[in-house]
């Protein structure tokens, strides 16, 4: 029998974070504290199915706010902290890296220091079971050649301001583990996709643009290779790492689905051609909308994850192939166009715009 624990998730209103929150509430007996600043990519509508559950508590706030973090730790006494809060869009980091440095580096530092003080106050049994799980990206490793895959021993070589800030946060977490004996685990994942993903990302952007008859912009020749990981598979892996991972360890999480970006876009078009009979005016084949645009600076050519370690140590494998996962993803967006429309017109932010700065559903500070 699983003993219920309290899990604090930072960034739980984001794409992966909200999927993780829903998993914990729907599939486990654990209690969830969701700390999220509600920046542009956070969406509380992604949590509407579980928002009234008595085991779920939402707190609006910034991970850089040390007094707030201290207060949450003191009041809710988490057994596990899963740190997903981050600025994560590469293009945005190129045009404005300041927020990435603030959230990804200073925010992680703030959490680590707060956890260090919190851990010092815990009794031995609770201290023994505490874990700080830092969720990161394969982009910290930089670019692969045409062969090979990233392992947990791959050297760091980040290319973008985004990946550089995530690399810095990984190093901070490892340093706090070695110097201060903080019980940490780190996971680095490949490209996620699936339901509730913010429409600035490749797959939802292509789906929604196609439905509106807009251009499908592809960087350069589109031959950049990514390993695609269905978000629900990722969430199952995160749960395994957080609950069974060995302290001080790193686990790479990949989908075993390497695809060129142009392959992904072409697949989306072909699936939509079958599903959508009433196409936008002048469109017979959605592939007509594919438009090659100037490549972005420092664009890595290929990423690929070797997930052997997490399979061997934690018995995790992805359940979805790219073909099955992309089918589920497309159908979800077609069935949830209102959710997409609320993002496109900005109304998704109105529900949280008047929230008190730091409240959960119990009304506590």
Protein backbone atom coordinates (compact mmCIF):
# COMPACT_ATOMS: atom_id res chain seq x y z
CA UNK A 1 0.00 0.00 0.00
CA UNK A 2 1.38 3.41 -1.02
CA UNK A 3 1.68 5.83 1.88
CA UNK A 4 0.29 9.25 0.84
CA UNK A 5 2.92 11.95 0.60
CA UNK A 6 2.89 15.68 -0.01
CA UNK A 7 4.45 16.65 -3.34
CA UNK A 8 5.27 20.25 -4.16
CA UNK A 9 5.37 20.92 -7.91
CA UNK A 10 6.75 24.20 -9.20
CA UNK A 11 5.40 25.29 -12.57
CA UNK A 12 2.40 23.00 -12.26
CA UNK A 13 0.20 25.13 -14.54
CA UNK A 14 2.54 24.71 -17.50
CA UNK A 15 2.38 21.99 -20.14
CA UNK A 16 4.41 19.23 -18.48
CA UNK A 17 3.64 20.49 -14.98
CA UNK A 18 -0.13 20.33 -15.46
CA UNK A 19 0.15 16.81 -16.90
CA UNK A 20 2.17 15.84 -13.82
CA UNK A 21 -0.39 17.38 -11.45
CA UNK A 22 -3.24 15.56 -13.18
CA UNK A 23 -1.29 12.29 -12.95
CA UNK A 24 -0.69 12.65 -9.22
CA UNK A 25 -4.31 13.47 -8.48
CA UNK A 26 -5.83 10.88 -10.82
CA UNK A 27 -3.37 8.00 -10.43
CA UNK A 28 -1.90 8.26 -6.91
CA UNK A 29 -3.06 8.97 -3.34
CA UNK A 30 -0.56 11.80 -2.92
CA UNK A 31 -1.34 15.41 -2.07
CA UNK A 32 -0.13 18.12 -4.49
CA UNK A 33 0.96 21.69 -3.81
CA UNK A 34 1.22 23.58 -7.10
CA UNK A 35 3.33 26.75 -7.00
CA UNK A 36 3.10 28.71 -10.25
CA UNK A 37 3.70 32.36 -11.12
CA UNK A 38 1.16 32.15 -13.97
CA UNK A 39 3.34 33.67 -16.64
CA UNK A 40 2.07 33.69 -20.24
CA UNK A 41 2.50 29.93 -20.87
CA UNK A 42 0.74 28.83 -17.67
CA UNK A 43 -2.92 27.96 -17.98
CA UNK A 44 -5.19 27.03 -15.10
CA UNK A 45 -7.76 25.73 -17.59
CA UNK A 46 -5.41 22.78 -18.06
CA UNK A 47 -6.18 21.83 -14.45
CA UNK A 48 -9.93 22.36 -14.43
CA UNK A 49 -10.60 18.61 -14.21
CA UNK A 50 -8.88 18.33 -10.81
CA UNK A 51 -9.03 21.86 -9.39
CA UNK A 52 -11.70 20.97 -6.81
CA UNK A 53 -10.00 17.84 -5.55
CA UNK A 54 -9.31 18.04 -1.84
CA UNK A 55 -5.76 16.75 -2.35
CA UNK A 56 -4.88 19.61 -4.70
CA UNK A 57 -3.76 23.06 -3.56
CA UNK A 58 -2.77 25.89 -5.91
CA UNK A 59 -0.57 28.77 -4.82
CA UNK A 60 0.17 31.64 -7.14
CA UNK A 61 3.68 32.91 -6.61
CA UNK A 62 7.27 33.24 -7.81
CA UNK A 63 9.99 30.70 -7.00
CA UNK A 64 12.36 33.67 -6.61
CA UNK A 65 10.28 34.89 -3.64
CA UNK A 66 12.22 33.35 -0.76
CA UNK A 67 9.81 34.35 2.06
CA UNK A 68 6.96 32.79 0.09
CA UNK A 69 8.86 29.57 -0.57
CA UNK A 70 9.87 29.35 3.09
CA UNK A 71 6.25 29.82 4.14
CA UNK A 72 5.01 27.09 1.79
CA UNK A 73 7.62 24.63 3.04
CA UNK A 74 6.83 25.44 6.65
CA UNK A 75 3.06 25.11 6.24
CA UNK A 76 2.75 22.21 3.82
CA UNK A 77 5.83 20.14 4.80
CA UNK A 78 6.45 18.47 1.42
CA UNK A 79 8.13 15.07 1.17
CA UNK A 80 9.10 15.61 -2.47
CA UNK A 81 9.75 18.76 -4.47
CA UNK A 82 9.52 18.47 -8.26
CA UNK A 83 10.96 21.58 -9.85
CA UNK A 84 9.58 22.26 -13.32
CA UNK A 85 9.14 26.04 -13.18
CA UNK A 86 11.22 27.52 -16.00
CA UNK A 87 11.22 29.78 -18.99
CA UNK A 88 11.55 27.25 -21.79
CA UNK A 89 11.12 28.71 -25.27
CA UNK A 90 14.39 28.93 -27.22
CA UNK A 91 13.28 31.74 -29.56
CA UNK A 92 12.17 33.87 -26.63
CA UNK A 93 15.50 33.30 -24.88
CA UNK A 94 17.33 34.64 -27.93
CA UNK A 95 15.29 37.82 -28.03
CA UNK A 96 15.10 38.35 -24.26
CA UNK A 97 17.37 36.22 -22.05
CA UNK A 98 16.87 38.24 -18.83
CA UNK A 99 13.78 36.35 -17.64
CA UNK A 100 15.50 33.03 -18.35
CA UNK A 101 18.43 33.94 -16.14
CA UNK A 102 16.11 35.19 -13.41
CA UNK A 103 13.78 32.18 -13.31
CA UNK A 104 15.97 29.29 -14.40
CA UNK A 105 19.11 30.20 -12.47
CA UNK A 106 18.15 32.49 -9.59
CA UNK A 107 14.82 30.72 -9.08
CA UNK A 108 16.54 27.36 -8.80
CA UNK A 109 19.10 28.81 -6.40
CA UNK A 110 16.31 30.22 -4.22
CA UNK A 111 14.57 26.85 -4.05
CA UNK A 112 17.79 25.03 -3.20
CA UNK A 113 18.61 27.38 -0.35
CA UNK A 114 15.08 27.21 1.00
CA UNK A 115 15.19 23.40 0.85
CA UNK A 116 18.52 23.35 2.64
CA UNK A 117 17.08 25.28 5.58
CA UNK A 118 13.86 23.24 5.50
CA UNK A 119 15.77 19.96 5.54
CA UNK A 120 17.79 21.03 8.55
CA UNK A 121 14.57 21.36 10.55
CA UNK A 122 13.10 17.96 9.63
CA UNK A 123 13.11 15.00 11.97
CA UNK A 124 15.29 12.12 10.84
CA UNK A 125 12.59 9.88 9.33
CA UNK A 126 11.09 12.61 7.15
CA UNK A 127 14.54 13.94 6.30
CA UNK A 128 15.60 10.47 5.12
CA UNK A 129 12.74 10.27 2.62
CA UNK A 130 12.94 13.82 1.26
CA UNK A 131 13.78 14.32 -2.42
CA UNK A 132 14.41 17.38 -4.60
CA UNK A 133 13.77 16.43 -8.23
CA UNK A 134 15.08 18.89 -10.80
CA UNK A 135 13.49 18.50 -14.24
CA UNK A 136 15.77 19.59 -17.09
CA UNK A 137 16.28 19.17 -20.83
CA UNK A 138 18.48 17.33 -23.32
CA UNK A 139 19.40 20.71 -24.81
CA UNK A 140 22.05 21.17 -22.10
CA UNK A 141 24.19 18.65 -24.01
CA UNK A 142 24.27 20.74 -27.17
CA UNK A 143 24.37 19.25 -30.64
CA UNK A 144 24.93 15.65 -31.71
CA UNK A 145 26.44 14.50 -34.96
CA UNK A 146 24.62 12.15 -37.29
CA UNK A 147 25.17 9.20 -34.95
CA UNK A 148 25.16 8.51 -31.23
CA UNK A 149 22.86 9.52 -28.37
CA UNK A 150 23.16 11.58 -25.22
CA UNK A 151 23.90 9.60 -22.09
CA UNK A 152 24.01 10.76 -18.49
CA UNK A 153 27.80 11.14 -18.91
CA UNK A 154 27.62 13.36 -22.01
CA UNK A 155 29.48 16.68 -21.56
CA UNK A 156 27.46 19.88 -21.38
CA UNK A 157 27.68 22.15 -24.41
CA UNK A 158 24.57 24.39 -24.48
CA UNK A 159 23.93 26.49 -27.59
CA UNK A 160 21.09 28.90 -26.69
CA UNK A 161 20.48 31.24 -23.74
CA UNK A 162 17.67 28.87 -22.71
CA UNK A 163 19.83 25.76 -22.67
CA UNK A 164 22.67 27.66 -20.99
CA UNK A 165 20.40 28.67 -18.10
CA UNK A 166 19.12 25.12 -17.74
CA UNK A 167 22.70 23.83 -17.74
CA UNK A 168 23.55 26.34 -15.01
CA UNK A 169 20.60 25.19 -12.92
CA UNK A 170 21.65 21.53 -13.33
CA UNK A 171 25.12 22.41 -12.08
CA UNK A 172 23.69 24.27 -9.09
CA UNK A 173 21.57 21.27 -8.13
CA UNK A 174 24.56 18.92 -8.32
CA UNK A 175 26.70 21.34 -6.32
CA UNK A 176 24.09 21.59 -3.55
CA UNK A 177 23.95 17.79 -3.51
CA UNK A 178 27.70 17.34 -3.15
CA UNK A 179 28.46 20.30 -0.89
CA UNK A 180 25.36 20.41 1.32
CA UNK A 181 24.20 16.78 1.01
CA UNK A 182 20.83 17.80 -0.38
CA UNK A 183 19.10 14.59 -1.60
CA UNK A 184 18.52 15.40 -5.27
CA UNK A 185 17.70 13.61 -8.50
CA UNK A 186 17.92 15.18 -11.96
CA UNK A 187 16.17 14.19 -15.18
CA UNK A 188 16.90 15.45 -18.69
CA UNK A 189 14.18 14.87 -21.25
CA UNK A 190 13.79 15.09 -25.01
CA UNK A 191 11.12 17.13 -26.87
CA UNK A 192 7.69 16.72 -25.31
CA UNK A 193 4.39 16.87 -27.17
CA UNK A 194 0.76 16.05 -26.44
CA UNK A 195 -2.48 17.60 -25.12
CA UNK A 196 -2.50 21.05 -23.48
CA UNK A 197 0.80 22.21 -25.04
CA UNK A 198 1.05 25.97 -25.52
CA UNK A 199 0.55 26.85 -29.20
CA UNK A 200 3.95 28.51 -29.67
CA UNK A 201 5.53 25.03 -29.79
CA UNK A 202 6.01 23.24 -33.10
CA UNK A 203 3.27 20.59 -33.10
CA UNK A 204 0.30 22.61 -31.76
CA UNK A 205 1.38 25.64 -33.80
CA UNK A 206 1.33 23.60 -37.00
CA UNK A 207 -2.05 22.03 -36.20
CA UNK A 208 -3.77 25.31 -35.40
CA UNK A 209 -2.15 27.24 -38.26
CA UNK A 210 -3.25 24.54 -40.70
CA UNK A 211 -6.83 24.66 -39.48
CA UNK A 212 -6.82 28.42 -40.05
CA UNK A 213 -5.16 28.18 -43.46
CA UNK A 214 -2.04 30.00 -42.23
CA UNK A 215 1.57 29.34 -43.23
CA UNK A 216 3.39 26.46 -41.55
CA UNK A 217 6.83 28.00 -40.90
CA UNK A 218 9.74 25.55 -40.86
CA UNK A 219 13.23 26.73 -39.90
CA UNK A 220 15.83 26.30 -42.66
CA UNK A 221 15.58 23.00 -44.54
CA UNK A 222 13.66 21.40 -41.65
CA UNK A 223 16.18 18.58 -41.28
CA UNK A 224 16.85 19.25 -37.61
CA UNK A 225 16.32 15.98 -35.73
CA UNK A 226 14.55 15.73 -32.38
CA UNK A 227 13.59 12.77 -30.20
CA UNK A 228 9.84 13.12 -29.53
CA UNK A 229 8.44 12.09 -26.13
CA UNK A 230 4.70 11.92 -25.46
CA UNK A 231 3.98 13.97 -22.35
CA UNK A 232 2.08 11.23 -20.46
CA UNK A 233 5.06 8.90 -20.95
CA UNK A 234 7.31 11.62 -19.57
CA UNK A 235 5.08 12.12 -16.55
CA UNK A 236 5.22 8.41 -15.70
CA UNK A 237 9.00 8.60 -15.91
CA UNK A 238 9.12 11.65 -13.65
CA UNK A 239 7.07 9.82 -11.06
CA UNK A 240 9.50 6.90 -11.12
CA UNK A 241 12.51 9.20 -10.79
CA UNK A 242 11.02 11.22 -7.95
CA UNK A 243 9.87 8.23 -5.91
CA UNK A 244 12.47 5.55 -6.72
CA UNK A 245 15.47 7.38 -8.18
CA UNK A 246 18.79 7.03 -6.38
CA UNK A 247 19.80 10.31 -4.66
CA UNK A 248 22.56 12.07 -6.54
CA UNK A 249 21.64 10.38 -9.81
CA UNK A 250 20.71 11.73 -13.23
CA UNK A 251 18.25 10.01 -15.57
CA UNK A 252 17.82 10.72 -19.28
CA UNK A 253 14.23 10.35 -20.51
CA UNK A 254 13.59 9.91 -24.23
CA UNK A 255 10.85 8.67 -26.51
CA UNK A 256 12.95 6.63 -28.95
CA UNK A 257 11.27 8.59 -31.73
CA UNK A 258 13.83 10.53 -33.78
CA UNK A 259 12.18 12.65 -36.46
CA UNK A 260 13.27 15.54 -38.63
CA UNK A 261 11.16 18.65 -38.09
CA UNK A 262 10.02 18.52 -41.71
CA UNK A 263 8.90 14.90 -41.18
CA UNK A 264 6.83 15.98 -38.19
CA UNK A 265 5.15 18.80 -40.12
CA UNK A 266 4.51 16.58 -43.15
CA UNK A 267 2.99 13.87 -40.92
CA UNK A 268 0.68 16.42 -39.32
CA UNK A 269 -0.44 17.62 -42.75
CA UNK A 270 -1.11 14.10 -43.97
CA UNK A 271 -3.13 13.20 -40.86
CA UNK A 272 -5.13 16.44 -41.09
CA UNK A 273 -5.79 15.85 -44.79
CA UNK A 274 -7.66 12.68 -43.79
CA UNK A 275 -9.43 14.11 -40.75
CA UNK A 276 -10.50 17.52 -42.12
CA UNK A 277 -12.91 17.40 -45.04
CA UNK A 278 -13.84 21.09 -44.95
CA UNK A 279 -10.42 22.63 -45.49
CA UNK A 280 -9.72 26.39 -45.55
CA UNK A 281 -10.47 28.11 -48.85
CA UNK A 282 -7.95 27.35 -51.60
CA UNK A 283 -6.34 24.46 -49.71
CA UNK A 284 -6.49 20.95 -51.19
CA UNK A 285 -3.49 19.58 -49.30
CA UNK A 286 -2.24 21.08 -46.03
CA UNK A 287 1.33 20.53 -47.24
CA UNK A 288 0.71 23.53 -49.54
CA UNK A 289 1.05 25.69 -46.41
CA UNK A 290 4.60 24.57 -45.53
CA UNK A 291 6.89 27.59 -45.74
CA UNK A 292 10.65 27.47 -45.16
CA UNK A 293 11.92 30.47 -43.19
CA UNK A 294 15.37 31.71 -42.16
CA UNK A 295 16.97 29.40 -39.60
CA UNK A 296 17.37 30.69 -36.07
CA UNK A 297 20.82 31.48 -34.62
CA UNK A 298 22.65 28.57 -33.01
CA UNK A 299 20.04 26.02 -34.08
CA UNK A 300 21.26 22.55 -33.02
CA UNK A 301 20.99 19.97 -35.80
CA UNK A 302 20.26 16.82 -33.81
CA UNK A 303 19.32 15.65 -30.32
CA UNK A 304 18.77 12.02 -29.30
CA UNK A 305 18.44 10.44 -25.86
CA UNK A 306 19.81 7.14 -24.62
CA UNK A 307 17.23 6.09 -22.00
CA UNK A 308 18.92 2.80 -21.10
CA UNK A 309 19.61 3.80 -17.49
CA UNK A 310 16.03 4.64 -16.53
CA UNK A 311 14.86 1.43 -18.20
CA UNK A 312 17.44 -0.65 -16.34
CA UNK A 313 17.16 0.99 -12.90
CA UNK A 314 13.52 2.13 -12.76
CA UNK A 315 11.84 -0.17 -15.29
CA UNK A 316 10.47 2.66 -17.44
CA UNK A 317 9.89 2.60 -21.18
CA UNK A 318 7.74 4.91 -23.32
CA UNK A 319 4.37 3.38 -24.15
CA UNK A 320 3.58 5.61 -27.13
CA UNK A 321 5.20 5.45 -30.53
CA UNK A 322 5.33 8.70 -32.46
CA UNK A 323 2.54 7.40 -34.70
CA UNK A 324 0.19 6.61 -31.80
CA UNK A 325 1.10 9.71 -29.81
CA UNK A 326 0.70 12.13 -32.71
CA UNK A 327 -2.71 10.63 -33.49
CA UNK A 328 -3.88 11.21 -29.91
CA UNK A 329 -2.43 14.71 -29.95
CA UNK A 330 -4.10 15.81 -33.18
CA UNK A 331 -7.46 14.45 -32.06
CA UNK A 332 -7.16 16.23 -28.70
CA UNK A 333 -6.61 19.59 -30.39
CA UNK A 334 -9.50 19.01 -32.78
CA UNK A 335 -11.73 18.14 -29.79
CA UNK A 336 -10.55 21.09 -27.68
CA UNK A 337 -10.58 24.08 -30.01
CA UNK A 338 -12.19 26.21 -27.28
CA UNK A 339 -9.12 25.68 -25.09
CA UNK A 340 -6.96 26.76 -28.02
CA UNK A 341 -9.18 29.74 -28.79
CA UNK A 342 -8.92 30.95 -25.19
CA UNK A 343 -5.15 31.01 -25.57
CA UNK A 344 -5.22 32.68 -28.95
CA UNK A 345 -7.57 35.47 -27.76
CA UNK A 346 -5.91 35.80 -24.33
CA UNK A 347 -9.05 35.00 -22.34
CA UNK A 348 -7.30 32.09 -20.57
CA UNK A 349 -5.41 34.69 -18.54
CA UNK A 350 -8.50 36.53 -17.34
CA UNK A 351 -9.47 33.78 -14.91
CA UNK A 352 -6.24 34.23 -12.97
CA UNK A 353 -5.69 37.94 -13.49
CA UNK A 354 -7.63 38.85 -10.36
CA UNK A 355 -6.28 36.07 -8.17
CA UNK A 356 -4.68 37.07 -4.90
CA UNK A 357 -0.92 36.93 -5.25
CA UNK A 358 -0.43 33.98 -2.96
CA UNK A 359 -3.45 31.88 -2.09
CA UNK A 360 -4.40 28.27 -2.35
CA UNK A 361 -7.93 26.93 -2.41
CA UNK A 362 -7.99 26.67 1.37
CA UNK A 363 -7.46 30.43 1.59
CA UNK A 364 -4.13 30.07 3.39
CA UNK A 365 -1.21 32.39 2.97
